[in-house]
Structures are given as structure tokens and as C-alpha cells.
Amino acid sequence: MLVMGSGNVVHNLRATDRGTPDGPAASRPWAQSFDDAVKAALAGRDDRALIGYERLAGASTAVATPDHYFPFLYALGAAGAGERAKTVYEGFQSGTLGMRCVQFG
């Protein structure tokens, strides 16, 4: 079975920095903090933290509306409890759009 989720872990269009080179979110620490918190929760497979993302550092700004975060939760839910997440790509576009891509299994 193949389940794909598409969105952005960090997504706040009102706070983008157009013209910023792709890479870390250096000009927006809240974006990098939230992405780092998601990365750490994935590494420890802390599903409760990922589901309760509102309590992660920077969440209120990083996930202004959850519609781009929810597809990640669908993929997480479809993964087996013992399946580790492999990061395929991480980085930001426009300073604040987290482009983290993960694969389970």
C-alpha cells in the first residue's frame, strides 16, 4: 500500500520572505524552531507530539492554518508504529515554507 501526503510542515504565506535563497529559515527563527521540533519528534517517533503540534515551539506562527500540516498526519497515521521516518529532503523556500519530505518504511 502506498499513502502519500502533500503539504508543508511549516506554512505561513503571510510571513514569507520572497527572494530568500532556499535553505535554513535564518530570518524567521520560529519557522526553524518548529521544523526542528518536528524533526526531533519524528526521530523519536513521538506521534503524540506530532499530533498535538500546537504545543511545539513556534507552532502558532508556523502552522497559521492546519490545512497544509494535516496531510503529514495522514501519512504518519498510515505508517506502522515501528516504522522510522527517513528524511528525504529538508529546507525552506521563501524563508518560511518548510519543505521537509519524509518516507516511512
PDB file of N, CA and C in Angstrom:
ATOM      1  N   MET A   1       0.838  -1.164   0.000  1.00  0.00           N
ATOM      2  CA  MET A   1       0.000   0.000   0.000  1.00  0.00           C
ATOM      3  C   MET A   1       0.896   1.244   0.000  1.00  0.00           C
ATOM      4  N   LEU A   2       0.527   2.218  -0.767  1.00  0.00           N
ATOM      5  CA  LEU A   2       1.245   3.489  -0.841  1.00  0.00           C
ATOM      6  C   LEU A   2       0.309   4.600  -0.398  1.00  0.00           C
ATOM      7  N   VAL A   3       0.734   5.369   0.593  1.00  0.00           N
ATOM      8  CA  VAL A   3      -0.020   6.525   1.057  1.00  0.00           C
ATOM      9  C   VAL A   3       0.898   7.727   0.926  1.00  0.00           C
ATOM     10  N   MET A   4       0.411   8.779   0.292  1.00  0.00           N
ATOM     11  CA  MET A   4       1.205   9.991   0.137  1.00  0.00           C
ATOM     12  C   MET A   4       0.452  11.155   0.761  1.00  0.00           C
ATOM     13  N   GLY A   5       1.202  12.022   1.419  1.00  0.00           N
ATOM     14  CA  GLY A   5       0.647  13.261   1.951  1.00  0.00           C
ATOM     15  C   GLY A   5       1.414  14.411   1.331  1.00  0.00           C
ATOM     16  N   SER A   6       0.755  15.452   0.958  1.00  0.00           N
ATOM     17  CA  SER A   6       1.418  16.585   0.325  1.00  0.00           C
ATOM     18  C   SER A   6       0.980  17.865   1.015  1.00  0.00           C
ATOM     19  N   GLY A   7       1.935  18.660   1.408  1.00  0.00           N
ATOM     20  CA  GLY A   7       1.642  19.922   2.080  1.00  0.00           C
ATOM     21  C   GLY A   7       2.956  20.573   2.464  1.00  0.00           C
ATOM     22  N   ASN A   8       2.952  21.297   3.531  1.00  0.00           N
ATOM     23  CA  ASN A   8       4.158  21.902   4.081  1.00  0.00           C
ATOM     24  C   ASN A   8       4.079  21.794   5.596  1.00  0.00           C
ATOM     25  N   VAL A   9       5.126  21.280   6.213  1.00  0.00           N
ATOM     26  CA  VAL A   9       5.147  21.186   7.665  1.00  0.00           C
ATOM     27  C   VAL A   9       5.096  22.593   8.257  1.00  0.00           C
ATOM     28  N   VAL A  10       5.842  23.520   7.677  1.00  0.00           N
ATOM     29  CA  VAL A  10       5.806  24.928   8.082  1.00  0.00           C
ATOM     30  C   VAL A  10       5.197  25.695   6.916  1.00  0.00           C
ATOM     31  N   HIS A  11       4.081  26.389   7.183  1.00  0.00           N
ATOM     32  CA  HIS A  11       3.386  27.064   6.091  1.00  0.00           C
ATOM     33  C   HIS A  11       2.659  28.285   6.617  1.00  0.00           C
ATOM     34  N   ASN A  12       3.198  29.462   6.344  1.00  0.00           N
ATOM     35  CA  ASN A  12       2.550  30.713   6.712  1.00  0.00           C
ATOM     36  C   ASN A  12       2.853  31.711   5.599  1.00  0.00           C
ATOM     37  N   LEU A  13       1.945  31.811   4.649  1.00  0.00           N
ATOM     38  CA  LEU A  13       2.175  32.667   3.482  1.00  0.00           C
ATOM     39  C   LEU A  13       2.279  34.143   3.836  1.00  0.00           C
ATOM     40  N   ARG A  14       1.635  34.554   4.908  1.00  0.00           N
ATOM     41  CA  ARG A  14       1.709  35.970   5.309  1.00  0.00           C
ATOM     42  C   ARG A  14       3.099  36.368   5.778  1.00  0.00           C
ATOM     43  N   ALA A  15       3.913  35.390   6.155  1.00  0.00           N
ATOM     44  CA  ALA A  15       5.233  35.687   6.714  1.00  0.00           C
ATOM     45  C   ALA A  15       6.387  35.296   5.797  1.00  0.00           C
ATOM     46  N   THR A  16       6.106  34.997   4.544  1.00  0.00           N
ATOM     47  CA  THR A  16       7.183  34.577   3.650  1.00  0.00           C
ATOM     48  C   THR A  16       8.140  35.731   3.361  1.00  0.00           C
ATOM     49  N   ASP A  17       9.368  35.361   3.057  1.00  0.00           N
ATOM     50  CA  ASP A  17      10.410  36.312   2.664  1.00  0.00           C
ATOM     51  C   ASP A  17      10.764  36.024   1.206  1.00  0.00           C
ATOM     52  N   ARG A  18       9.985  36.572   0.315  1.00  0.00           N
ATOM     53  CA  ARG A  18      10.210  36.346  -1.123  1.00  0.00           C
ATOM     54  C   ARG A  18      11.635  36.749  -1.492  1.00  0.00           C
ATOM     55  N   GLY A  19      12.255  35.959  -2.324  1.00  0.00           N
ATOM     56  CA  GLY A  19      13.606  36.246  -2.774  1.00  0.00           C
ATOM     57  C   GLY A  19      14.694  35.675  -1.869  1.00  0.00           C
ATOM     58  N   THR A  20      14.296  35.095  -0.732  1.00  0.00           N
ATOM     59  CA  THR A  20      15.269  34.471   0.157  1.00  0.00           C
ATOM     60  C   THR A  20      15.739  33.164  -0.476  1.00  0.00           C
ATOM     61  N   PRO A  21      17.048  32.914  -0.501  1.00  0.00           N
ATOM     62  CA  PRO A  21      17.539  31.659  -1.089  1.00  0.00           C
ATOM     63  C   PRO A  21      17.018  30.443  -0.314  1.00  0.00           C
ATOM     64  N   ASP A  22      16.841  29.326  -1.006  1.00  0.00           N
ATOM     65  CA  ASP A  22      16.429  28.086  -0.360  1.00  0.00           C
ATOM     66  C   ASP A  22      17.486  27.683   0.660  1.00  0.00           C
ATOM     67  N   GLY A  23      17.042  27.109   1.761  1.00  0.00           N
ATOM     68  CA  GLY A  23      17.954  26.665   2.808  1.00  0.00           C
ATOM     69  C   GLY A  23      17.295  26.798   4.164  1.00  0.00           C
ATOM     70  N   PRO A  24      18.084  26.975   5.219  1.00  0.00           N
ATOM     71  CA  PRO A  24      17.505  27.142   6.559  1.00  0.00           C
ATOM     72  C   PRO A  24      16.692  28.427   6.660  1.00  0.00           C
ATOM     73  N   ALA A  25      15.807  28.482   7.628  1.00  0.00           N
ATOM     74  CA  ALA A  25      14.958  29.664   7.830  1.00  0.00           C
ATOM     75  C   ALA A  25      15.661  30.647   8.757  1.00  0.00           C
ATOM     76  N   ALA A  26      16.792  31.161   8.344  1.00  0.00           N
ATOM     77  CA  ALA A  26      17.629  32.010   9.195  1.00  0.00           C
ATOM     78  C   ALA A  26      16.935  33.286   9.640  1.00  0.00           C
ATOM     79  N   SER A  27      16.118  33.880   8.792  1.00  0.00           N
ATOM     80  CA  SER A  27      15.488  35.157   9.143  1.00  0.00           C
ATOM     81  C   SER A  27      14.209  34.985   9.951  1.00  0.00           C
ATOM     82  N   ARG A  28      13.726  33.784  10.083  1.00  0.00           N
ATOM     83  CA  ARG A  28      12.490  33.522  10.819  1.00  0.00           C
ATOM     84  C   ARG A  28      12.720  32.371  11.812  1.00  0.00           C
ATOM     85  N   PRO A  29      13.249  32.658  12.998  1.00  0.00           N
ATOM     86  CA  PRO A  29      13.582  31.597  13.952  1.00  0.00           C
ATOM     87  C   PRO A  29      12.403  30.703  14.329  1.00  0.00           C
ATOM     88  N   TRP A  30      11.185  31.239  14.359  1.00  0.00           N
ATOM     89  CA  TRP A  30      10.016  30.425  14.698  1.00  0.00           C
ATOM     90  C   TRP A  30       9.811  29.299  13.686  1.00  0.00           C
ATOM     91  N   ALA A  31      10.109  29.577  12.417  1.00  0.00           N
ATOM     92  CA  ALA A  31       9.950  28.550  11.376  1.00  0.00           C
ATOM     93  C   ALA A  31      10.970  27.437  11.570  1.00  0.00           C
ATOM     94  N   GLN A  32      12.213  27.807  11.811  1.00  0.00           N
ATOM     95  CA  GLN A  32      13.260  26.806  12.022  1.00  0.00           C
ATOM     96  C   GLN A  32      13.009  26.030  13.307  1.00  0.00           C
ATOM     97  N   SER A  33      12.550  26.714  14.360  1.00  0.00           N
ATOM     98  CA  SER A  33      12.269  26.046  15.638  1.00  0.00           C
ATOM     99  C   SER A  33      11.183  24.988  15.484  1.00  0.00           C
ATOM    100  N   PHE A  34      10.121  25.325  14.759  1.00  0.00           N
ATOM    101  CA  PHE A  34       9.040  24.362  14.576  1.00  0.00           C
ATOM    102  C   PHE A  34       9.516  23.176  13.742  1.00  0.00           C
ATOM    103  N   ASP A  35      10.239  23.444  12.657  1.00  0.00           N
ATOM    104  CA  ASP A  35      10.749  22.351  11.824  1.00  0.00           C
ATOM    105  C   ASP A  35      11.690  21.459  12.623  1.00  0.00           C
ATOM    106  N   ASP A  36      12.545  22.056  13.444  1.00  0.00           N
ATOM    107  CA  ASP A  36      13.453  21.274  14.292  1.00  0.00           C
ATOM    108  C   ASP A  36      12.682  20.417  15.288  1.00  0.00           C
ATOM    109  N   ALA A  37      11.593  20.966  15.845  1.00  0.00           N
ATOM    110  CA  ALA A  37      10.777  20.207  16.798  1.00  0.00           C
ATOM    111  C   ALA A  37      10.097  19.025  16.109  1.00  0.00           C
ATOM    112  N   VAL A  38       9.611  19.243  14.896  1.00  0.00           N
ATOM    113  CA  VAL A  38       9.003  18.147  14.129  1.00  0.00           C
ATOM    114  C   VAL A  38      10.061  17.096  13.805  1.00  0.00           C
ATOM    115  N   LYS A  39      11.234  17.530  13.403  1.00  0.00           N
ATOM    116  CA  LYS A  39      12.335  16.611  13.083  1.00  0.00           C
ATOM    117  C   LYS A  39      12.693  15.746  14.300  1.00  0.00           C
ATOM    118  N   ALA A  40      12.796  16.377  15.477  1.00  0.00           N
ATOM    119  CA  ALA A  40      13.131  15.638  16.698  1.00  0.00           C
ATOM    120  C   ALA A  40      12.022  14.657  17.070  1.00  0.00           C
ATOM    121  N   ALA A  41      10.765  15.078  16.943  1.00  0.00           N
ATOM    122  CA  ALA A  41       9.647  14.193  17.254  1.00  0.00           C
ATOM    123  C   ALA A  41       9.608  13.004  16.286  1.00  0.00           C
ATOM    124  N   LEU A  42       9.920  13.265  15.030  1.00  0.00           N
ATOM    125  CA  LEU A  42       9.986  12.165  14.053  1.00  0.00           C
ATOM    126  C   LEU A  42      11.098  11.187  14.397  1.00  0.00           C
ATOM    127  N   ALA A  43      12.252  11.709  14.772  1.00  0.00           N
ATOM    128  CA  ALA A  43      13.401  10.850  15.091  1.00  0.00           C
ATOM    129  C   ALA A  43      13.085   9.928  16.266  1.00  0.00           C
ATOM    130  N   GLY A  44      12.324  10.422  17.235  1.00  0.00           N
ATOM    131  CA  GLY A  44      11.938   9.616  18.379  1.00  0.00           C
ATOM    132  C   GLY A  44      10.598   8.932  18.213  1.00  0.00           C
ATOM    133  N   ARG A  45      10.006   9.129  17.039  1.00  0.00           N
ATOM    134  CA  ARG A  45       8.675   8.607  16.711  1.00  0.00           C
ATOM    135  C   ARG A  45       7.677   8.948  17.816  1.00  0.00           C
ATOM    136  N   ASP A  46       7.725  10.230  18.205  1.00  0.00           N
ATOM    137  CA  ASP A  46       6.822  10.775  19.221  1.00  0.00           C
ATOM    138  C   ASP A  46       5.545  11.258  18.526  1.00  0.00           C
ATOM    139  N   ASP A  47       4.700  10.312  18.184  1.00  0.00           N
ATOM    140  CA  ASP A  47       3.474  10.619  17.449  1.00  0.00           C
ATOM    141  C   ASP A  47       2.562  11.563  18.221  1.00  0.00           C
ATOM    142  N   ARG A  48       2.522  11.442  19.532  1.00  0.00           N
ATOM    143  CA  ARG A  48       1.672  12.331  20.335  1.00  0.00           C
ATOM    144  C   ARG A  48       2.078  13.791  20.161  1.00  0.00           C
ATOM    145  N   ALA A  49       3.382  14.051  20.134  1.00  0.00           N
ATOM    146  CA  ALA A  49       3.863  15.428  19.942  1.00  0.00           C
ATOM    147  C   ALA A  49       3.502  15.930  18.553  1.00  0.00           C
ATOM    148  N   LEU A  50       3.599  15.063  17.548  1.00  0.00           N
ATOM    149  CA  LEU A  50       3.290  15.467  16.176  1.00  0.00           C
ATOM    150  C   LEU A  50       1.794  15.723  15.994  1.00  0.00           C
ATOM    151  N   ILE A  51       0.975  14.916  16.640  1.00  0.00           N
ATOM    152  CA  ILE A  51      -0.472  15.111  16.564  1.00  0.00           C
ATOM    153  C   ILE A  51      -0.869  16.368  17.345  1.00  0.00           C
ATOM    154  N   GLY A  52      -0.261  16.579  18.492  1.00  0.00           N
ATOM    155  CA  GLY A  52      -0.521  17.774  19.296  1.00  0.00           C
ATOM    156  C   GLY A  52       0.459  18.879  18.947  1.00  0.00           C
ATOM    157  N   TYR A  53       0.669  19.088  17.674  1.00  0.00           N
ATOM    158  CA  TYR A  53       1.680  20.020  17.156  1.00  0.00           C
ATOM    159  C   TYR A  53       1.543  21.439  17.703  1.00  0.00           C
ATOM    160  N   GLU A  54       0.341  21.793  18.150  1.00  0.00           N
ATOM    161  CA  GLU A  54       0.106  23.157  18.649  1.00  0.00           C
ATOM    162  C   GLU A  54       1.008  23.503  19.825  1.00  0.00           C
ATOM    163  N   ARG A  55       1.525  22.480  20.524  1.00  0.00           N
ATOM    164  CA  ARG A  55       2.380  22.699  21.679  1.00  0.00           C
ATOM    165  C   ARG A  55       3.865  22.731  21.321  1.00  0.00           C
ATOM    166  N   LEU A  56       4.223  22.487  20.069  1.00  0.00           N
ATOM    167  CA  LEU A  56       5.631  22.530  19.657  1.00  0.00           C
ATOM    168  C   LEU A  56       6.090  23.978  19.491  1.00  0.00           C
ATOM    169  N   ALA A  57       7.376  24.192  19.656  1.00  0.00           N
ATOM    170  CA  ALA A  57       7.956  25.539  19.552  1.00  0.00           C
ATOM    171  C   ALA A  57       7.617  26.179  18.211  1.00  0.00           C
ATOM    172  N   GLY A  58       7.100  27.396  18.261  1.00  0.00           N
ATOM    173  CA  GLY A  58       6.810  28.157  17.050  1.00  0.00           C
ATOM    174  C   GLY A  58       5.538  27.787  16.326  1.00  0.00           C
ATOM    175  N   ALA A  59       4.759  26.859  16.856  1.00  0.00           N
ATOM    176  CA  ALA A  59       3.603  26.313  16.141  1.00  0.00           C
ATOM    177  C   ALA A  59       2.558  27.356  15.768  1.00  0.00           C
ATOM    178  N   SER A  60       2.275  28.294  16.642  1.00  0.00           N
ATOM    179  CA  SER A  60       1.185  29.233  16.365  1.00  0.00           C
ATOM    180  C   SER A  60       1.449  30.074  15.125  1.00  0.00           C
ATOM    181  N   THR A  61       2.699  30.325  14.821  1.00  0.00           N
ATOM    182  CA  THR A  61       3.040  31.076  13.613  1.00  0.00           C
ATOM    183  C   THR A  61       3.361  30.138  12.456  1.00  0.00           C
ATOM    184  N   ALA A  62       4.030  29.029  12.750  1.00  0.00           N
ATOM    185  CA  ALA A  62       4.460  28.091  11.705  1.00  0.00           C
ATOM    186  C   ALA A  62       3.285  27.397  11.029  1.00  0.00           C
ATOM    187  N   VAL A  63       2.232  27.159  11.773  1.00  0.00           N
ATOM    188  CA  VAL A  63       1.041  26.499  11.232  1.00  0.00           C
ATOM    189  C   VAL A  63      -0.124  27.470  11.440  1.00  0.00           C
ATOM    190  N   ALA A  64      -0.119  28.511  10.628  1.00  0.00           N
ATOM    191  CA  ALA A  64      -1.161  29.544  10.746  1.00  0.00           C
ATOM    192  C   ALA A  64      -2.549  28.945  10.532  1.00  0.00           C
ATOM    193  N   THR A  65      -2.660  28.034   9.576  1.00  0.00           N
ATOM    194  CA  THR A  65      -3.866  27.237   9.354  1.00  0.00           C
ATOM    195  C   THR A  65      -3.384  25.806   9.124  1.00  0.00           C
ATOM    196  N   PRO A  66      -4.065  24.805   9.666  1.00  0.00           N
ATOM    197  CA  PRO A  66      -3.538  23.438   9.638  1.00  0.00           C
ATOM    198  C   PRO A  66      -3.715  22.677   8.322  1.00  0.00           C
ATOM    199  N   ASP A  67      -4.340  23.269   7.330  1.00  0.00           N
ATOM    200  CA  ASP A  67      -4.646  22.535   6.103  1.00  0.00           C
ATOM    201  C   ASP A  67      -3.401  22.006   5.390  1.00  0.00           C
ATOM    202  N   HIS A  68      -2.259  22.639   5.573  1.00  0.00           N
ATOM    203  CA  HIS A  68      -1.034  22.147   4.935  1.00  0.00           C
ATOM    204  C   HIS A  68      -0.260  21.196   5.839  1.00  0.00           C
ATOM    205  N   TYR A  69      -0.595  21.134   7.113  1.00  0.00           N
ATOM    206  CA  TYR A  69       0.051  20.220   8.057  1.00  0.00           C
ATOM    207  C   TYR A  69      -0.689  18.881   8.124  1.00  0.00           C
ATOM    208  N   PHE A  70      -2.001  18.897   7.985  1.00  0.00           N
ATOM    209  CA  PHE A  70      -2.794  17.683   8.135  1.00  0.00           C
ATOM    210  C   PHE A  70      -2.389  16.535   7.208  1.00  0.00           C
ATOM    211  N   PRO A  71      -2.007  16.774   5.941  1.00  0.00           N
ATOM    212  CA  PRO A  71      -1.599  15.629   5.106  1.00  0.00           C
ATOM    213  C   PRO A  71      -0.426  14.848   5.702  1.00  0.00           C
ATOM    214  N   PHE A  72       0.450  15.542   6.419  1.00  0.00           N
ATOM    215  CA  PHE A  72       1.554  14.871   7.101  1.00  0.00           C
ATOM    216  C   PHE A  72       1.014  13.894   8.145  1.00  0.00           C
ATOM    217  N   LEU A  73      -0.041  14.298   8.854  1.00  0.00           N
ATOM    218  CA  LEU A  73      -0.618  13.424   9.868  1.00  0.00           C
ATOM    219  C   LEU A  73      -1.279  12.191   9.254  1.00  0.00           C
ATOM    220  N   TYR A  74      -1.858  12.324   8.067  1.00  0.00           N
ATOM    221  CA  TYR A  74      -2.429  11.149   7.384  1.00  0.00           C
ATOM    222  C   TYR A  74      -1.339  10.133   7.076  1.00  0.00           C
ATOM    223  N   ALA A  75      -0.222  10.603   6.566  1.00  0.00           N
ATOM    224  CA  ALA A  75       0.888   9.697   6.261  1.00  0.00           C
ATOM    225  C   ALA A  75       1.443   9.080   7.542  1.00  0.00           C
ATOM    226  N   LEU A  76       1.565   9.877   8.583  1.00  0.00           N
ATOM    227  CA  LEU A  76       2.039   9.377   9.876  1.00  0.00           C
ATOM    228  C   LEU A  76       1.112   8.288  10.397  1.00  0.00           C
ATOM    229  N   GLY A  77      -0.188   8.514  10.300  1.00  0.00           N
ATOM    230  CA  GLY A  77      -1.161   7.541  10.777  1.00  0.00           C
ATOM    231  C   GLY A  77      -1.154   6.247   9.983  1.00  0.00           C
ATOM    232  N   ALA A  78      -0.815   6.324   8.707  1.00  0.00           N
ATOM    233  CA  ALA A  78      -0.773   5.128   7.869  1.00  0.00           C
ATOM    234  C   ALA A  78       0.492   4.301   8.100  1.00  0.00           C
ATOM    235  N   ALA A  79       1.525   4.936   8.639  1.00  0.00           N
ATOM    236  CA  ALA A  79       2.788   4.227   8.897  1.00  0.00           C
ATOM    237  C   ALA A  79       2.613   3.302  10.093  1.00  0.00           C
ATOM    238  N   GLY A  80       3.283   2.168  10.042  1.00  0.00           N
ATOM    239  CA  GLY A  80       3.260   1.256  11.180  1.00  0.00           C
ATOM    240  C   GLY A  80       3.965   1.878  12.375  1.00  0.00           C
ATOM    241  N   ALA A  81       3.554   1.480  13.575  1.00  0.00           N
ATOM    242  CA  ALA A  81       4.108   2.065  14.804  1.00  0.00           C
ATOM    243  C   ALA A  81       5.627   1.918  14.889  1.00  0.00           C
ATOM    244  N   GLY A  82       6.173   0.861  14.331  1.00  0.00           N
ATOM    245  CA  GLY A  82       7.615   0.636  14.396  1.00  0.00           C
ATOM    246  C   GLY A  82       8.400   1.208  13.226  1.00  0.00           C
ATOM    247  N   GLU A  83       7.702   1.794  12.269  1.00  0.00           N
ATOM    248  CA  GLU A  83       8.387   2.324  11.093  1.00  0.00           C
ATOM    249  C   GLU A  83       9.035   3.670  11.401  1.00  0.00           C
ATOM    250  N   ARG A  84      10.309   3.761  11.119  1.00  0.00           N
ATOM    251  CA  ARG A  84      11.049   5.002  11.335  1.00  0.00           C
ATOM    252  C   ARG A  84      10.875   5.910  10.129  1.00  0.00           C
ATOM    253  N   ALA A  85      10.913   7.192  10.392  1.00  0.00           N
ATOM    254  CA  ALA A  85      10.817   8.183   9.311  1.00  0.00           C
ATOM    255  C   ALA A  85      12.203   8.459   8.765  1.00  0.00           C
ATOM    256  N   LYS A  86      12.311   8.430   7.465  1.00  0.00           N
ATOM    257  CA  LYS A  86      13.557   8.773   6.786  1.00  0.00           C
ATOM    258  C   LYS A  86      13.352  10.136   6.126  1.00  0.00           C
ATOM    259  N   THR A  87      14.229  11.086   6.445  1.00  0.00           N
ATOM    260  CA  THR A  87      14.128  12.398   5.817  1.00  0.00           C
ATOM    261  C   THR A  87      14.712  12.324   4.417  1.00  0.00           C
ATOM    262  N   VAL A  88      13.905  12.639   3.436  1.00  0.00           N
ATOM    263  CA  VAL A  88      14.310  12.618   2.033  1.00  0.00           C
ATOM    264  C   VAL A  88      14.827  13.992   1.614  1.00  0.00           C
ATOM    265  N   TYR A  89      14.202  15.043   2.172  1.00  0.00           N
ATOM    266  CA  TYR A  89      14.628  16.410   1.872  1.00  0.00           C
ATOM    267  C   TYR A  89      14.215  17.305   3.033  1.00  0.00           C
ATOM    268  N   GLU A  90      15.064  18.286   3.355  1.00  0.00           N
ATOM    269  CA  GLU A  90      14.688  19.303   4.328  1.00  0.00           C
ATOM    270  C   GLU A  90      15.252  20.642   3.884  1.00  0.00           C
ATOM    271  N   GLY A  91      14.494  21.673   4.109  1.00  0.00           N
ATOM    272  CA  GLY A  91      14.908  23.020   3.733  1.00  0.00           C
ATOM    273  C   GLY A  91      13.687  23.911   3.642  1.00  0.00           C
ATOM    274  N   PHE A  92      13.925  25.169   3.325  1.00  0.00           N
ATOM    275  CA  PHE A  92      12.856  26.155   3.251  1.00  0.00           C
ATOM    276  C   PHE A  92      12.901  26.871   1.914  1.00  0.00           C
ATOM    277  N   GLN A  93      11.736  27.259   1.447  1.00  0.00           N
ATOM    278  CA  GLN A  93      11.614  28.147   0.301  1.00  0.00           C
ATOM    279  C   GLN A  93      10.970  29.432   0.789  1.00  0.00           C
ATOM    280  N   SER A  94      11.367  30.539   0.202  1.00  0.00           N
ATOM    281  CA  SER A  94      10.859  31.861   0.578  1.00  0.00           C
ATOM    282  C   SER A  94      11.003  32.130   2.077  1.00  0.00           C
ATOM    283  N   GLY A  95      12.012  31.540   2.674  1.00  0.00           N
ATOM    284  CA  GLY A  95      12.340  31.812   4.060  1.00  0.00           C
ATOM    285  C   GLY A  95      11.501  31.109   5.104  1.00  0.00           C
ATOM    286  N   THR A  96      10.264  30.730   4.775  1.00  0.00           N
ATOM    287  CA  THR A  96       9.371  30.178   5.797  1.00  0.00           C
ATOM    288  C   THR A  96       8.548  28.968   5.368  1.00  0.00           C
ATOM    289  N   LEU A  97       8.653  28.549   4.149  1.00  0.00           N
ATOM    290  CA  LEU A  97       7.865  27.388   3.706  1.00  0.00           C
ATOM    291  C   LEU A  97       8.712  26.136   3.890  1.00  0.00           C
ATOM    292  N   GLY A  98       8.403  25.371   4.942  1.00  0.00           N
ATOM    293  CA  GLY A  98       9.170  24.168   5.257  1.00  0.00           C
ATOM    294  C   GLY A  98       8.879  23.057   4.279  1.00  0.00           C
ATOM    295  N   MET A  99       9.889  22.623   3.578  1.00  0.00           N
ATOM    296  CA  MET A  99       9.714  21.634   2.520  1.00  0.00           C
ATOM    297  C   MET A  99      10.151  20.226   2.953  1.00  0.00           C
ATOM    298  N   ARG A 100      10.121  19.940   4.248  1.00  0.00           N
ATOM    299  CA  ARG A 100      10.544  18.644   4.773  1.00  0.00           C
ATOM    300  C   ARG A 100       9.753  17.521   4.102  1.00  0.00           C
ATOM    301  N   CYS A 101      10.473  16.540   3.574  1.00  0.00           N
ATOM    302  CA  CYS A 101       9.855  15.361   2.966  1.00  0.00           C
ATOM    303  C   CYS A 101      10.349  14.128   3.727  1.00  0.00           C
ATOM    304  N   VAL A 102       9.413  13.305   4.148  1.00  0.00           N
ATOM    305  CA  VAL A 102       9.774  12.094   4.887  1.00  0.00           C
ATOM    306  C   VAL A 102       9.154  10.874   4.227  1.00  0.00           C
ATOM    307  N   GLN A 103       9.799   9.758   4.489  1.00  0.00           N
ATOM    308  CA  GLN A 103       9.329   8.463   3.968  1.00  0.00           C
ATOM    309  C   GLN A 103       9.305   7.490   5.118  1.00  0.00           C
ATOM    310  N   PHE A 104       8.240   6.728   5.236  1.00  0.00           N
ATOM    311  CA  PHE A 104       8.143   5.685   6.239  1.00  0.00           C
ATOM    312  C   PHE A 104       8.288   4.338   5.546  1.00  0.00           C
ATOM    313  N   GLY A 105       8.930   3.416   6.253  1.00  0.00           N
ATOM    314  CA  GLY A 105       9.065   2.057   5.729  1.00  0.00           C
ATOM    315  C   GLY A 105      10.199   1.873   4.764  1.00  0.00           C
TER     316      GLY A 105
END
